[in-house]
Amino acid sequence: MRISRAIRISEPLLCAIRNNFRALFLSAINDRKRQLYNRRKGLRFNGKGVNIPIVQLDNNTLVLYEELGNRWWELERSLRRSILICPLCNSSKKNMIYNIDKNAWFCEDCNPRLI
């Protein structure tokens, strides 16, 4: 049997500090994801605001479009494997358990469902 690592905080003040730090990190990550999304979306419109189909983008723009999408997904995958949120229920306010088989942190409520 593989050993999992649990991070449990029961002191209310420490829980509040943990939750506030998680909220701060989530806010920063979501701001960066929003910037990448908006920049990527902006590549699909010309100066007059007309939508350009992806097949009509020039090679340089298409490479940048794909790179921005890859960077967005890299942030999303990192977030899903982090201790900030549970990838199943999206909770950021619960104690977490590291699941070795899934290489990710899950809340104490969701982790037993994976076994």
PDB file of N, CA and C in Angstrom:
ATOM      1  N   MET A   1       0.844  -1.193   0.000  1.00  0.00           N
ATOM      2  CA  MET A   1       0.000   0.000   0.000  1.00  0.00           C
ATOM      3  C   MET A   1       0.877   1.239   0.000  1.00  0.00           C
ATOM      4  N   ARG A   2       0.509   2.195  -0.799  1.00  0.00           N
ATOM      5  CA  ARG A   2       1.247   3.437  -0.870  1.00  0.00           C
ATOM      6  C   ARG A   2       0.816   4.373   0.240  1.00  0.00           C
ATOM      7  N   ILE A   3       1.748   5.134   0.719  1.00  0.00           N
ATOM      8  CA  ILE A   3       1.473   6.069   1.808  1.00  0.00           C
ATOM      9  C   ILE A   3       1.052   7.403   1.220  1.00  0.00           C
ATOM     10  N   SER A   4      -0.043   7.941   1.692  1.00  0.00           N
ATOM     11  CA  SER A   4      -0.502   9.270   1.292  1.00  0.00           C
ATOM     12  C   SER A   4      -0.086  10.270   2.350  1.00  0.00           C
ATOM     13  N   ARG A   5      -0.015  11.501   1.949  1.00  0.00           N
ATOM     14  CA  ARG A   5       0.346  12.552   2.887  1.00  0.00           C
ATOM     15  C   ARG A   5      -0.869  13.450   3.083  1.00  0.00           C
ATOM     16  N   ALA A   6      -1.257  13.645   4.324  1.00  0.00           N
ATOM     17  CA  ALA A   6      -2.401  14.497   4.643  1.00  0.00           C
ATOM     18  C   ALA A   6      -1.920  15.750   5.349  1.00  0.00           C
ATOM     19  N   ILE A   7      -2.509  16.863   4.967  1.00  0.00           N
ATOM     20  CA  ILE A   7      -2.247  18.129   5.636  1.00  0.00           C
ATOM     21  C   ILE A   7      -3.555  18.529   6.309  1.00  0.00           C
ATOM     22  N   ARG A   8      -3.596  18.393   7.630  1.00  0.00           N
ATOM     23  CA  ARG A   8      -4.817  18.704   8.379  1.00  0.00           C
ATOM     24  C   ARG A   8      -4.561  19.879   9.317  1.00  0.00           C
ATOM     25  N   ILE A   9      -5.428  20.857   9.230  1.00  0.00           N
ATOM     26  CA  ILE A   9      -5.374  22.005  10.122  1.00  0.00           C
ATOM     27  C   ILE A   9      -6.740  22.109  10.775  1.00  0.00           C
ATOM     28  N   SER A  10      -6.771  22.074  12.105  1.00  0.00           N
ATOM     29  CA  SER A  10      -8.055  22.119  12.802  1.00  0.00           C
ATOM     30  C   SER A  10      -8.252  23.434  13.565  1.00  0.00           C
ATOM     31  N   GLU A  11      -7.198  24.145  13.823  1.00  0.00           N
ATOM     32  CA  GLU A  11      -7.284  25.431  14.533  1.00  0.00           C
ATOM     33  C   GLU A  11      -7.982  26.455  13.618  1.00  0.00           C
ATOM     34  N   PRO A  12      -9.096  27.051  14.066  1.00  0.00           N
ATOM     35  CA  PRO A  12      -9.852  27.978  13.218  1.00  0.00           C
ATOM     36  C   PRO A  12      -9.030  29.157  12.680  1.00  0.00           C
ATOM     37  N   LEU A  13      -8.170  29.713  13.498  1.00  0.00           N
ATOM     38  CA  LEU A  13      -7.361  30.841  13.030  1.00  0.00           C
ATOM     39  C   LEU A  13      -6.391  30.406  11.935  1.00  0.00           C
ATOM     40  N   LEU A  14      -5.768  29.253  12.103  1.00  0.00           N
ATOM     41  CA  LEU A  14      -4.860  28.742  11.079  1.00  0.00           C
ATOM     42  C   LEU A  14      -5.609  28.358   9.806  1.00  0.00           C
ATOM     43  N   CYS A  15      -6.826  27.849   9.959  1.00  0.00           N
ATOM     44  CA  CYS A  15      -7.657  27.551   8.782  1.00  0.00           C
ATOM     45  C   CYS A  15      -7.957  28.822   8.005  1.00  0.00           C
ATOM     46  N   ALA A  16      -8.262  29.887   8.717  1.00  0.00           N
ATOM     47  CA  ALA A  16      -8.546  31.162   8.062  1.00  0.00           C
ATOM     48  C   ALA A  16      -7.311  31.685   7.326  1.00  0.00           C
ATOM     49  N   ILE A  17      -6.154  31.581   7.947  1.00  0.00           N
ATOM     50  CA  ILE A  17      -4.910  32.020   7.295  1.00  0.00           C
ATOM     51  C   ILE A  17      -4.651  31.179   6.047  1.00  0.00           C
ATOM     52  N   ARG A  18      -4.782  29.839   6.180  1.00  0.00           N
ATOM     53  CA  ARG A  18      -4.593  28.946   5.029  1.00  0.00           C
ATOM     54  C   ARG A  18      -5.548  29.310   3.892  1.00  0.00           C
ATOM     55  N   ASN A  19      -6.813  29.502   4.222  1.00  0.00           N
ATOM     56  CA  ASN A  19      -7.810  29.814   3.202  1.00  0.00           C
ATOM     57  C   ASN A  19      -7.530  31.149   2.530  1.00  0.00           C
ATOM     58  N   ASN A  20      -7.064  32.134   3.305  1.00  0.00           N
ATOM     59  CA  ASN A  20      -6.744  33.432   2.727  1.00  0.00           C
ATOM     60  C   ASN A  20      -5.532  33.346   1.799  1.00  0.00           C
ATOM     61  N   PHE A  21      -4.519  32.569   2.179  1.00  0.00           N
ATOM     62  CA  PHE A  21      -3.370  32.384   1.299  1.00  0.00           C
ATOM     63  C   PHE A  21      -3.781  31.670   0.015  1.00  0.00           C
ATOM     64  N   ARG A  22      -4.597  30.648   0.157  1.00  0.00           N
ATOM     65  CA  ARG A  22      -5.068  29.941  -1.044  1.00  0.00           C
ATOM     66  C   ARG A  22      -5.854  30.887  -1.951  1.00  0.00           C
ATOM     67  N   ALA A  23      -6.712  31.711  -1.359  1.00  0.00           N
ATOM     68  CA  ALA A  23      -7.499  32.662  -2.158  1.00  0.00           C
ATOM     69  C   ALA A  23      -6.592  33.655  -2.871  1.00  0.00           C
ATOM     70  N   LEU A  24      -5.546  34.100  -2.196  1.00  0.00           N
ATOM     71  CA  LEU A  24      -4.597  35.039  -2.803  1.00  0.00           C
ATOM     72  C   LEU A  24      -3.888  34.397  -3.996  1.00  0.00           C
ATOM     73  N   PHE A  25      -3.393  33.173  -3.808  1.00  0.00           N
ATOM     74  CA  PHE A  25      -2.720  32.473  -4.902  1.00  0.00           C
ATOM     75  C   PHE A  25      -3.683  32.186  -6.052  1.00  0.00           C
ATOM     76  N   LEU A  26      -4.901  31.749  -5.736  1.00  0.00           N
ATOM     77  CA  LEU A  26      -5.895  31.478  -6.776  1.00  0.00           C
ATOM     78  C   LEU A  26      -6.230  32.732  -7.564  1.00  0.00           C
ATOM     79  N   SER A  27      -6.332  33.852  -6.878  1.00  0.00           N
ATOM     80  CA  SER A  27      -6.617  35.115  -7.551  1.00  0.00           C
ATOM     81  C   SER A  27      -5.501  35.482  -8.529  1.00  0.00           C
ATOM     82  N   ALA A  28      -4.255  35.319  -8.110  1.00  0.00           N
ATOM     83  CA  ALA A  28      -3.117  35.638  -8.979  1.00  0.00           C
ATOM     84  C   ALA A  28      -3.077  34.707 -10.192  1.00  0.00           C
ATOM     85  N   ILE A  29      -3.321  33.420  -9.965  1.00  0.00           N
ATOM     86  CA  ILE A  29      -3.310  32.461 -11.072  1.00  0.00           C
ATOM     87  C   ILE A  29      -4.453  32.741 -12.034  1.00  0.00           C
ATOM     88  N   ASN A  30      -5.631  33.013 -11.504  1.00  0.00           N
ATOM     89  CA  ASN A  30      -6.782  33.297 -12.371  1.00  0.00           C
ATOM     90  C   ASN A  30      -6.602  34.596 -13.146  1.00  0.00           C
ATOM     91  N   ASP A  31      -5.961  35.598 -12.549  1.00  0.00           N
ATOM     92  CA  ASP A  31      -5.664  36.837 -13.279  1.00  0.00           C
ATOM     93  C   ASP A  31      -4.741  36.552 -14.457  1.00  0.00           C
ATOM     94  N   ARG A  32      -3.717  35.732 -14.232  1.00  0.00           N
ATOM     95  CA  ARG A  32      -2.777  35.389 -15.310  1.00  0.00           C
ATOM     96  C   ARG A  32      -3.473  34.580 -16.394  1.00  0.00           C
ATOM     97  N   LYS A  33      -4.315  33.633 -16.001  1.00  0.00           N
ATOM     98  CA  LYS A  33      -5.066  32.856 -16.989  1.00  0.00           C
ATOM     99  C   LYS A  33      -5.998  33.747 -17.801  1.00  0.00           C
ATOM    100  N   ARG A  34      -6.628  34.722 -17.146  1.00  0.00           N
ATOM    101  CA  ARG A  34      -7.514  35.655 -17.837  1.00  0.00           C
ATOM    102  C   ARG A  34      -6.739  36.496 -18.851  1.00  0.00           C
ATOM    103  N   GLN A  35      -5.543  36.950 -18.467  1.00  0.00           N
ATOM    104  CA  GLN A  35      -4.705  37.717 -19.400  1.00  0.00           C
ATOM    105  C   GLN A  35      -4.349  36.886 -20.629  1.00  0.00           C
ATOM    106  N   LEU A  36      -3.940  35.643 -20.410  1.00  0.00           N
ATOM    107  CA  LEU A  36      -3.598  34.765 -21.528  1.00  0.00           C
ATOM    108  C   LEU A  36      -4.809  34.518 -22.423  1.00  0.00           C
ATOM    109  N   TYR A  37      -5.962  34.277 -21.799  1.00  0.00           N
ATOM    110  CA  TYR A  37      -7.184  34.026 -22.565  1.00  0.00           C
ATOM    111  C   TYR A  37      -7.566  35.248 -23.410  1.00  0.00           C
ATOM    112  N   ASN A  38      -7.546  36.424 -22.789  1.00  0.00           N
ATOM    113  CA  ASN A  38      -7.923  37.643 -23.520  1.00  0.00           C
ATOM    114  C   ASN A  38      -6.942  37.961 -24.640  1.00  0.00           C
ATOM    115  N   ARG A  39      -5.654  37.738 -24.388  1.00  0.00           N
ATOM    116  CA  ARG A  39      -4.667  37.988 -25.434  1.00  0.00           C
ATOM    117  C   ARG A  39      -4.867  37.009 -26.592  1.00  0.00           C
ATOM    118  N   ARG A  40      -5.126  35.760 -26.257  1.00  0.00           N
ATOM    119  CA  ARG A  40      -5.366  34.741 -27.287  1.00  0.00           C
ATOM    120  C   ARG A  40      -6.634  35.062 -28.070  1.00  0.00           C
ATOM    121  N   LYS A  41      -7.676  35.454 -27.362  1.00  0.00           N
ATOM    122  CA  LYS A  41      -8.937  35.804 -28.010  1.00  0.00           C
ATOM    123  C   LYS A  41      -8.762  37.014 -28.932  1.00  0.00           C
ATOM    124  N   GLY A  42      -7.920  37.973 -28.501  1.00  0.00           N
ATOM    125  CA  GLY A  42      -7.681  39.173 -29.310  1.00  0.00           C
ATOM    126  C   GLY A  42      -7.008  38.879 -30.634  1.00  0.00           C
ATOM    127  N   LEU A  43      -6.290  37.777 -30.738  1.00  0.00           N
ATOM    128  CA  LEU A  43      -5.644  37.411 -31.999  1.00  0.00           C
ATOM    129  C   LEU A  43      -6.661  37.009 -33.059  1.00  0.00           C
ATOM    130  N   ARG A  44      -7.863  36.676 -32.646  1.00  0.00           N
ATOM    131  CA  ARG A  44      -8.903  36.220 -33.572  1.00  0.00           C
ATOM    132  C   ARG A  44      -9.737  37.351 -34.147  1.00  0.00           C
ATOM    133  N   PHE A  45      -9.413  38.605 -33.783  1.00  0.00           N
ATOM    134  CA  PHE A  45     -10.187  39.733 -34.282  1.00  0.00           C
ATOM    135  C   PHE A  45      -9.268  40.721 -34.993  1.00  0.00           C
ATOM    136  N   ASN A  46      -9.753  41.289 -36.103  1.00  0.00           N
ATOM    137  CA  ASN A  46      -8.956  42.303 -36.795  1.00  0.00           C
ATOM    138  C   ASN A  46      -9.210  43.672 -36.172  1.00  0.00           C
ATOM    139  N   GLY A  47      -8.628  44.721 -36.727  1.00  0.00           N
ATOM    140  CA  GLY A  47      -8.748  46.071 -36.177  1.00  0.00           C
ATOM    141  C   GLY A  47     -10.172  46.594 -36.147  1.00  0.00           C
ATOM    142  N   LYS A  48     -11.060  46.054 -36.981  1.00  0.00           N
ATOM    143  CA  LYS A  48     -12.453  46.488 -37.030  1.00  0.00           C
ATOM    144  C   LYS A  48     -13.354  45.652 -36.122  1.00  0.00           C
ATOM    145  N   GLY A  49     -12.776  44.694 -35.416  1.00  0.00           N
ATOM    146  CA  GLY A  49     -13.556  43.858 -34.508  1.00  0.00           C
ATOM    147  C   GLY A  49     -14.230  42.684 -35.180  1.00  0.00           C
ATOM    148  N   VAL A  50     -13.801  42.361 -36.397  1.00  0.00           N
ATOM    149  CA  VAL A  50     -14.392  41.244 -37.126  1.00  0.00           C
ATOM    150  C   VAL A  50     -13.623  39.969 -36.775  1.00  0.00           C
ATOM    151  N   ASN A  51     -14.375  38.903 -36.485  1.00  0.00           N
ATOM    152  CA  ASN A  51     -13.792  37.624 -36.114  1.00  0.00           C
ATOM    153  C   ASN A  51     -13.071  36.998 -37.310  1.00  0.00           C
ATOM    154  N   ILE A  52     -11.826  36.556 -37.081  1.00  0.00           N
ATOM    155  CA  ILE A  52     -11.032  35.892 -38.111  1.00  0.00           C
ATOM    156  C   ILE A  52     -11.030  34.392 -37.800  1.00  0.00           C
ATOM    157  N   PRO A  53     -11.458  33.559 -38.738  1.00  0.00           N
ATOM    158  CA  PRO A  53     -11.396  32.109 -38.495  1.00  0.00           C
ATOM    159  C   PRO A  53      -9.942  31.662 -38.298  1.00  0.00           C
ATOM    160  N   ILE A  54      -9.740  30.639 -37.486  1.00  0.00           N
ATOM    161  CA  ILE A  54      -8.387  30.160 -37.187  1.00  0.00           C
ATOM    162  C   ILE A  54      -7.648  29.751 -38.451  1.00  0.00           C
ATOM    163  N   VAL A  55      -8.346  29.166 -39.402  1.00  0.00           N
ATOM    164  CA  VAL A  55      -7.686  28.713 -40.635  1.00  0.00           C
ATOM    165  C   VAL A  55      -7.150  29.875 -41.458  1.00  0.00           C
ATOM    166  N   GLN A  56      -7.608  31.097 -41.197  1.00  0.00           N
ATOM    167  CA  GLN A  56      -7.148  32.266 -41.943  1.00  0.00           C
ATOM    168  C   GLN A  56      -6.052  33.050 -41.218  1.00  0.00           C
ATOM    169  N   LEU A  57      -5.631  32.596 -40.046  1.00  0.00           N
ATOM    170  CA  LEU A  57      -4.560  33.269 -39.327  1.00  0.00           C
ATOM    171  C   LEU A  57      -3.230  32.981 -40.020  1.00  0.00           C
ATOM    172  N   ASP A  58      -2.337  33.985 -40.064  1.00  0.00           N
ATOM    173  CA  ASP A  58      -1.019  33.744 -40.651  1.00  0.00           C
ATOM    174  C   ASP A  58      -0.200  32.856 -39.712  1.00  0.00           C
ATOM    175  N   ASN A  59       0.912  32.328 -40.203  1.00  0.00           N
ATOM    176  CA  ASN A  59       1.695  31.348 -39.436  1.00  0.00           C
ATOM    177  C   ASN A  59       2.191  31.908 -38.114  1.00  0.00           C
ATOM    178  N   ASN A  60       2.715  33.135 -38.091  1.00  0.00           N
ATOM    179  CA  ASN A  60       3.231  33.711 -36.846  1.00  0.00           C
ATOM    180  C   ASN A  60       2.123  33.879 -35.816  1.00  0.00           C
ATOM    181  N   THR A  61       0.971  34.346 -36.259  1.00  0.00           N
ATOM    182  CA  THR A  61      -0.161  34.536 -35.354  1.00  0.00           C
ATOM    183  C   THR A  61      -0.671  33.191 -34.847  1.00  0.00           C
ATOM    184  N   LEU A  62      -0.699  32.200 -35.726  1.00  0.00           N
ATOM    185  CA  LEU A  62      -1.156  30.872 -35.334  1.00  0.00           C
ATOM    186  C   LEU A  62      -0.223  30.243 -34.306  1.00  0.00           C
ATOM    187  N   VAL A  63       1.087  30.429 -34.473  1.00  0.00           N
ATOM    188  CA  VAL A  63       2.054  29.906 -33.502  1.00  0.00           C
ATOM    189  C   VAL A  63       1.844  30.577 -32.148  1.00  0.00           C
ATOM    190  N   LEU A  64       1.670  31.908 -32.151  1.00  0.00           N
ATOM    191  CA  LEU A  64       1.423  32.634 -30.903  1.00  0.00           C
ATOM    192  C   LEU A  64       0.099  32.194 -30.277  1.00  0.00           C
ATOM    193  N   TYR A  65      -0.922  32.000 -31.093  1.00  0.00           N
ATOM    194  CA  TYR A  65      -2.236  31.556 -30.629  1.00  0.00           C
ATOM    195  C   TYR A  65      -2.116  30.213 -29.899  1.00  0.00           C
ATOM    196  N   GLU A  66      -1.390  29.274 -30.501  1.00  0.00           N
ATOM    197  CA  GLU A  66      -1.205  27.962 -29.883  1.00  0.00           C
ATOM    198  C   GLU A  66      -0.338  28.046 -28.630  1.00  0.00           C
ATOM    199  N   GLU A  67       0.698  28.879 -28.657  1.00  0.00           N
ATOM    200  CA  GLU A  67       1.570  29.036 -27.493  1.00  0.00           C
ATOM    201  C   GLU A  67       0.794  29.599 -26.303  1.00  0.00           C
ATOM    202  N   LEU A  68      -0.058  30.594 -26.544  1.00  0.00           N
ATOM    203  CA  LEU A  68      -0.866  31.161 -25.462  1.00  0.00           C
ATOM    204  C   LEU A  68      -1.821  30.120 -24.896  1.00  0.00           C
ATOM    205  N   GLY A  69      -2.400  29.300 -25.764  1.00  0.00           N
ATOM    206  CA  GLY A  69      -3.282  28.229 -25.303  1.00  0.00           C
ATOM    207  C   GLY A  69      -2.524  27.206 -24.473  1.00  0.00           C
ATOM    208  N   ASN A  70      -1.312  26.861 -24.909  1.00  0.00           N
ATOM    209  CA  ASN A  70      -0.499  25.904 -24.154  1.00  0.00           C
ATOM    210  C   ASN A  70      -0.115  26.455 -22.788  1.00  0.00           C
ATOM    211  N   ARG A  71       0.219  27.745 -22.740  1.00  0.00           N
ATOM    212  CA  ARG A  71       0.566  28.353 -21.452  1.00  0.00           C
ATOM    213  C   ARG A  71      -0.644  28.385 -20.534  1.00  0.00           C
ATOM    214  N   TRP A  72      -1.838  28.668 -21.054  1.00  0.00           N
ATOM    215  CA  TRP A  72      -3.062  28.655 -20.251  1.00  0.00           C
ATOM    216  C   TRP A  72      -3.269  27.263 -19.670  1.00  0.00           C
ATOM    217  N   TRP A  73      -3.140  26.222 -20.509  1.00  0.00           N
ATOM    218  CA  TRP A  73      -3.355  24.857 -20.037  1.00  0.00           C
ATOM    219  C   TRP A  73      -2.275  24.420 -19.060  1.00  0.00           C
ATOM    220  N   GLU A  74      -1.055  24.902 -19.230  1.00  0.00           N
ATOM    221  CA  GLU A  74       0.003  24.583 -18.273  1.00  0.00           C
ATOM    222  C   GLU A  74      -0.346  25.117 -16.885  1.00  0.00           C
ATOM    223  N   LEU A  75      -0.858  26.340 -16.836  1.00  0.00           N
ATOM    224  CA  LEU A  75      -1.305  26.900 -15.554  1.00  0.00           C
ATOM    225  C   LEU A  75      -2.464  26.094 -14.983  1.00  0.00           C
ATOM    226  N   GLU A  76      -3.409  25.729 -15.828  1.00  0.00           N
ATOM    227  CA  GLU A  76      -4.586  24.976 -15.374  1.00  0.00           C
ATOM    228  C   GLU A  76      -4.176  23.607 -14.830  1.00  0.00           C
ATOM    229  N   ARG A  77      -3.297  22.897 -15.541  1.00  0.00           N
ATOM    230  CA  ARG A  77      -2.860  21.583 -15.066  1.00  0.00           C
ATOM    231  C   ARG A  77      -2.086  21.701 -13.750  1.00  0.00           C
ATOM    232  N   SER A  78      -1.236  22.721 -13.651  1.00  0.00           N
ATOM    233  CA  SER A  78      -0.487  22.935 -12.407  1.00  0.00           C
ATOM    234  C   SER A  78      -1.431  23.231 -11.251  1.00  0.00           C
ATOM    235  N   LEU A  79      -2.441  24.026 -11.514  1.00  0.00           N
ATOM    236  CA  LEU A  79      -3.422  24.360 -10.485  1.00  0.00           C
ATOM    237  C   LEU A  79      -4.168  23.109 -10.028  1.00  0.00           C
ATOM    238  N   ARG A  80      -4.542  22.250 -10.964  1.00  0.00           N
ATOM    239  CA  ARG A  80      -5.295  21.035 -10.640  1.00  0.00           C
ATOM    240  C   ARG A  80      -4.461  20.035  -9.841  1.00  0.00           C
ATOM    241  N   ARG A  81      -3.142  20.091  -9.955  1.00  0.00           N
ATOM    242  CA  ARG A  81      -2.286  19.174  -9.192  1.00  0.00           C
ATOM    243  C   ARG A  81      -1.811  19.799  -7.880  1.00  0.00           C
ATOM    244  N   SER A  82      -2.097  21.065  -7.669  1.00  0.00           N
ATOM    245  CA  SER A  82      -1.589  21.760  -6.486  1.00  0.00           C
ATOM    246  C   SER A  82      -2.474  21.512  -5.268  1.00  0.00           C
ATOM    247  N   ILE A  83      -2.009  21.996  -4.145  1.00  0.00           N
ATOM    248  CA  ILE A  83      -2.754  21.876  -2.891  1.00  0.00           C
ATOM    249  C   ILE A  83      -3.785  23.010  -2.746  1.00  0.00           C
ATOM    250  N   LEU A  84      -3.869  23.883  -3.725  1.00  0.00           N
ATOM    251  CA  LEU A  84      -4.771  25.031  -3.620  1.00  0.00           C
ATOM    252  C   LEU A  84      -6.239  24.645  -3.734  1.00  0.00           C
ATOM    253  N   ILE A  85      -6.557  23.726  -4.638  1.00  0.00           N
ATOM    254  CA  ILE A  85      -7.951  23.320  -4.816  1.00  0.00           C
ATOM    255  C   ILE A  85      -8.036  21.812  -5.027  1.00  0.00           C
ATOM    256  N   CYS A  86      -9.185  21.260  -4.715  1.00  0.00           N
ATOM    257  CA  CYS A  86      -9.460  19.857  -5.000  1.00  0.00           C
ATOM    258  C   CYS A  86      -9.901  19.771  -6.464  1.00  0.00           C
ATOM    259  N   PRO A  87      -9.258  18.955  -7.277  1.00  0.00           N
ATOM    260  CA  PRO A  87      -9.633  18.882  -8.688  1.00  0.00           C
ATOM    261  C   PRO A  87     -11.013  18.287  -8.947  1.00  0.00           C
ATOM    262  N   LEU A  88     -11.604  17.622  -7.959  1.00  0.00           N
ATOM    263  CA  LEU A  88     -12.932  17.039  -8.156  1.00  0.00           C
ATOM    264  C   LEU A  88     -14.049  17.995  -7.767  1.00  0.00           C
ATOM    265  N   CYS A  89     -13.947  18.612  -6.589  1.00  0.00           N
ATOM    266  CA  CYS A  89     -15.046  19.460  -6.114  1.00  0.00           C
ATOM    267  C   CYS A  89     -14.700  20.959  -6.152  1.00  0.00           C
ATOM    268  N   ASN A  90     -13.473  21.286  -6.515  1.00  0.00           N
ATOM    269  CA  ASN A  90     -12.992  22.674  -6.604  1.00  0.00           C
ATOM    270  C   ASN A  90     -12.985  23.413  -5.271  1.00  0.00           C
ATOM    271  N   SER A  91     -13.029  22.685  -4.181  1.00  0.00           N
ATOM    272  CA  SER A  91     -12.990  23.322  -2.871  1.00  0.00           C
ATOM    273  C   SER A  91     -11.573  23.800  -2.572  1.00  0.00           C
ATOM    274  N   SER A  92     -11.479  24.965  -1.980  1.00  0.00           N
ATOM    275  CA  SER A  92     -10.175  25.484  -1.558  1.00  0.00           C
ATOM    276  C   SER A  92     -10.147  25.713  -0.049  1.00  0.00           C
ATOM    277  N   LYS A  93     -11.170  25.255   0.642  1.00  0.00           N
ATOM    278  CA  LYS A  93     -11.283  25.533   2.070  1.00  0.00           C
ATOM    279  C   LYS A  93     -11.225  24.278   2.935  1.00  0.00           C
ATOM    280  N   LYS A  94     -10.815  23.148   2.360  1.00  0.00           N
ATOM    281  CA  LYS A  94     -10.794  21.900   3.110  1.00  0.00           C
ATOM    282  C   LYS A  94      -9.360  21.414   3.318  1.00  0.00           C
ATOM    283  N   ASN A  95      -9.193  20.508   4.268  1.00  0.00           N
ATOM    284  CA  ASN A  95      -7.910  19.833   4.438  1.00  0.00           C
ATOM    285  C   ASN A  95      -7.681  18.924   3.238  1.00  0.00           C
ATOM    286  N   MET A  96      -6.412  18.793   2.850  1.00  0.00           N
ATOM    287  CA  MET A  96      -6.086  18.045   1.638  1.00  0.00           C
ATOM    288  C   MET A  96      -5.234  16.822   1.932  1.00  0.00           C
ATOM    289  N   ILE A  97      -5.363  15.833   1.057  1.00  0.00           N
ATOM    290  CA  ILE A  97      -4.577  14.607   1.112  1.00  0.00           C
ATOM    291  C   ILE A  97      -3.917  14.416  -0.247  1.00  0.00           C
ATOM    292  N   TYR A  98      -2.601  14.146  -0.237  1.00  0.00           N
ATOM    293  CA  TYR A  98      -1.882  13.906  -1.486  1.00  0.00           C
ATOM    294  C   TYR A  98      -2.115  12.466  -1.927  1.00  0.00           C
ATOM    295  N   ASN A  99      -2.610  12.299  -3.144  1.00  0.00           N
ATOM    296  CA  ASN A  99      -2.857  10.988  -3.718  1.00  0.00           C
ATOM    297  C   ASN A  99      -1.691  10.654  -4.652  1.00  0.00           C
ATOM    298  N   ILE A 100      -0.861   9.701  -4.241  1.00  0.00           N
ATOM    299  CA  ILE A 100       0.348   9.362  -4.995  1.00  0.00           C
ATOM    300  C   ILE A 100       0.000   8.831  -6.378  1.00  0.00           C
ATOM    301  N   ASP A 101      -1.026   7.990  -6.474  1.00  0.00           N
ATOM    302  CA  ASP A 101      -1.391   7.403  -7.760  1.00  0.00           C
ATOM    303  C   ASP A 101      -1.846   8.454  -8.766  1.00  0.00           C
ATOM    304  N   LYS A 102      -2.518   9.477  -8.314  1.00  0.00           N
ATOM    305  CA  LYS A 102      -3.031  10.533  -9.197  1.00  0.00           C
ATOM    306  C   LYS A 102      -2.086  11.727  -9.306  1.00  0.00           C
ATOM    307  N   ASN A 103      -1.047  11.753  -8.464  1.00  0.00           N
ATOM    308  CA  ASN A 103      -0.066  12.848  -8.451  1.00  0.00           C
ATOM    309  C   ASN A 103      -0.765  14.194  -8.251  1.00  0.00           C
ATOM    310  N   ALA A 104      -1.696  14.221  -7.309  1.00  0.00           N
ATOM    311  CA  ALA A 104      -2.448  15.446  -7.053  1.00  0.00           C
ATOM    312  C   ALA A 104      -2.985  15.435  -5.626  1.00  0.00           C
ATOM    313  N   TRP A 105      -3.407  16.609  -5.181  1.00  0.00           N
ATOM    314  CA  TRP A 105      -4.008  16.776  -3.854  1.00  0.00           C
ATOM    315  C   TRP A 105      -5.522  16.766  -4.001  1.00  0.00           C
ATOM    316  N   PHE A 106      -6.179  16.024  -3.115  1.00  0.00           N
ATOM    317  CA  PHE A 106      -7.641  15.966  -3.082  1.00  0.00           C
ATOM    318  C   PHE A 106      -8.100  16.275  -1.670  1.00  0.00           C
ATOM    319  N   CYS A 107      -9.306  16.827  -1.542  1.00  0.00           N
ATOM    320  CA  CYS A 107      -9.831  17.109  -0.208  1.00  0.00           C
ATOM    321  C   CYS A 107     -10.155  15.789   0.493  1.00  0.00           C
ATOM    322  N   GLU A 108     -10.312  15.856   1.796  1.00  0.00           N
ATOM    323  CA  GLU A 108     -10.575  14.644   2.578  1.00  0.00           C
ATOM    324  C   GLU A 108     -11.900  13.986   2.205  1.00  0.00           C
ATOM    325  N   ASP A 109     -12.825  14.750   1.644  1.00  0.00           N
ATOM    326  CA  ASP A 109     -14.111  14.186   1.247  1.00  0.00           C
ATOM    327  C   ASP A 109     -14.006  13.424  -0.089  1.00  0.00           C
ATOM    328  N   CYS A 110     -13.214  13.947  -1.017  1.00  0.00           N
ATOM    329  CA  CYS A 110     -13.127  13.348  -2.358  1.00  0.00           C
ATOM    330  C   CYS A 110     -12.110  12.218  -2.456  1.00  0.00           C
ATOM    331  N   ASN A 111     -11.054  12.283  -1.671  1.00  0.00           N
ATOM    332  CA  ASN A 111      -9.995  11.273  -1.797  1.00  0.00           C
ATOM    333  C   ASN A 111     -10.484   9.838  -1.601  1.00  0.00           C
ATOM    334  N   PRO A 112     -11.371   9.561  -0.627  1.00  0.00           N
ATOM    335  CA  PRO A 112     -11.842   8.173  -0.483  1.00  0.00           C
ATOM    336  C   PRO A 112     -12.598   7.665  -1.720  1.00  0.00           C
ATOM    337  N   ARG A 113     -13.192   8.542  -2.501  1.00  0.00           N
ATOM    338  CA  ARG A 113     -13.912   8.121  -3.703  1.00  0.00           C
ATOM    339  C   ARG A 113     -12.963   7.596  -4.795  1.00  0.00           C
ATOM    340  N   LEU A 114     -11.669   7.928  -4.678  1.00  0.00           N
ATOM    341  CA  LEU A 114     -10.699   7.523  -5.687  1.00  0.00           C
ATOM    342  C   LEU A 114     -10.120   6.139  -5.423  1.00  0.00           C
ATOM    343  N   ILE A 115     -10.357   5.613  -4.246  1.00  0.00           N
ATOM    344  CA  ILE A 115      -9.754   4.330  -3.858  1.00  0.00           C
ATOM    345  C   ILE A 115     -10.583   3.172  -4.369  1.00  0.00           C
TER     346      ILE A 115
END
